[in-house]
Amino acid sequence: MNFEKFQEAVDILEIASKITQSELKKKYQKLSKIYHPDMPDGDAVKFKEINEAYKLVSIYIQNFRFKLDEEEFYEQNPLSRKSKDWFYSF
């Protein structure tokens, strides 16, 4: 996989930026229902494209490695930083 193929898959699935595995699956299911060949407005080529894009992005998400440090923790859990947030100072 190279970045160009990955970016193409992201564009096909209409993903903005950050996404979880469950959000990706919902997005895939929504697009699959629209473009499935058995649907009135279905398109077999687009459906195949969506399936391939989903597989590629799903593999990427499953194999993504997180850094196990404080910065990564707060990036993934922004509301955990209680002591420095303005709304916890009241």
Protein backbone atom coordinates (compact mmCIF):
# COMPACT_ATOMS: atom_id res chain seq x y z
CA MET A 1 0.00 0.00 0.00
CA ASN A 2 1.27 3.47 -0.81
CA PHE A 3 -0.12 6.80 0.36
CA GLU A 4 -1.75 7.63 -2.99
CA LYS A 5 -3.81 4.41 -2.92
CA PHE A 6 -4.64 5.03 0.73
CA GLN A 7 -5.75 8.63 0.02
CA GLU A 8 -7.87 7.44 -2.90
CA ALA A 9 -9.59 4.92 -0.60
CA VAL A 10 -10.23 7.65 1.98
CA ASP A 11 -11.76 9.86 -0.71
CA ILE A 12 -13.96 7.03 -2.02
CA LEU A 13 -15.32 6.42 1.47
CA GLU A 14 -15.81 10.18 1.99
CA ILE A 15 -13.85 10.23 5.25
CA ALA A 16 -12.93 13.66 6.60
CA SER A 17 -10.08 12.94 9.01
CA LYS A 18 -10.14 10.91 12.22
CA ILE A 19 -12.42 7.89 12.28
CA THR A 20 -12.85 4.82 14.45
CA GLN A 21 -13.30 1.27 13.19
CA SER A 22 -17.00 1.34 14.12
CA GLU A 23 -17.53 4.69 12.35
CA LEU A 24 -15.77 3.33 9.27
CA LYS A 25 -18.04 0.28 9.28
CA LYS A 26 -21.18 2.47 9.51
CA LYS A 27 -19.94 4.65 6.65
CA TYR A 28 -19.20 1.55 4.56
CA GLN A 29 -22.64 0.07 5.25
CA LYS A 30 -24.35 3.33 4.31
CA LEU A 31 -22.47 3.60 0.99
CA SER A 32 -22.95 -0.12 0.28
CA LYS A 33 -26.71 0.21 0.60
CA ILE A 34 -26.71 3.09 -1.86
CA TYR A 35 -24.46 1.55 -4.52
CA HIS A 36 -25.26 -2.17 -4.19
CA PRO A 37 -26.02 -3.58 -7.66
CA ASP A 38 -29.43 -4.86 -6.48
CA MET A 39 -30.57 -1.36 -5.49
CA PRO A 40 -32.47 0.86 -7.97
CA ASP A 41 -29.59 3.35 -8.24
CA GLY A 42 -26.93 0.67 -7.79
CA ASP A 43 -23.60 0.68 -9.56
CA ALA A 44 -21.51 -2.51 -9.62
CA VAL A 45 -18.27 -0.66 -10.39
CA LYS A 46 -18.75 1.88 -7.61
CA PHE A 47 -19.78 -0.91 -5.20
CA LYS A 48 -16.59 -2.83 -5.96
CA GLU A 49 -14.57 0.36 -5.49
CA ILE A 50 -16.20 0.95 -2.09
CA ASN A 51 -15.49 -2.65 -0.99
CA GLU A 52 -11.83 -2.40 -1.93
CA ALA A 53 -11.48 0.99 -0.24
CA TYR A 54 -13.11 -0.32 2.93
CA LYS A 55 -10.74 -3.28 3.07
CA LEU A 56 -7.69 -1.07 2.60
CA VAL A 57 -8.66 1.53 5.23
CA SER A 58 -9.86 -1.17 7.64
CA ILE A 59 -6.50 -2.95 7.46
CA TYR A 60 -4.76 0.36 8.10
CA ILE A 61 -6.89 1.09 11.16
CA GLN A 62 -6.47 -2.42 12.57
CA ASN A 63 -2.70 -2.27 12.18
CA PHE A 64 -2.22 1.29 13.42
CA ARG A 65 0.10 1.49 16.39
CA PHE A 66 -0.33 4.03 19.14
CA LYS A 67 2.49 5.55 21.06
CA LEU A 68 1.98 4.71 24.71
CA ASP A 69 2.98 8.08 26.06
CA GLU A 70 1.22 10.98 27.74
CA GLU A 71 0.89 13.09 24.59
CA GLU A 72 -0.83 10.30 22.66
CA PHE A 73 -3.08 9.50 25.63
CA TYR A 74 -4.38 13.07 25.82
CA GLU A 75 -4.76 13.29 22.06
CA GLN A 76 -6.99 10.21 22.13
CA ASN A 77 -8.76 11.24 25.37
CA PRO A 78 -8.92 15.05 25.35
CA LEU A 79 -11.32 15.32 28.30
CA SER A 80 -8.92 13.45 30.58
CA ARG A 81 -6.68 16.48 30.98
CA LYS A 82 -8.61 17.88 33.93
CA SER A 83 -5.94 19.93 35.66
CA LYS A 84 -5.10 22.17 32.68
CA ASP A 85 -8.52 22.69 31.12
CA TRP A 86 -10.22 26.02 31.76
CA PHE A 87 -13.63 24.46 32.50
CA TYR A 88 -12.22 22.44 35.41
CA SER A 89 -10.83 25.50 37.17
CA PHE A 90 -14.18 26.71 38.52
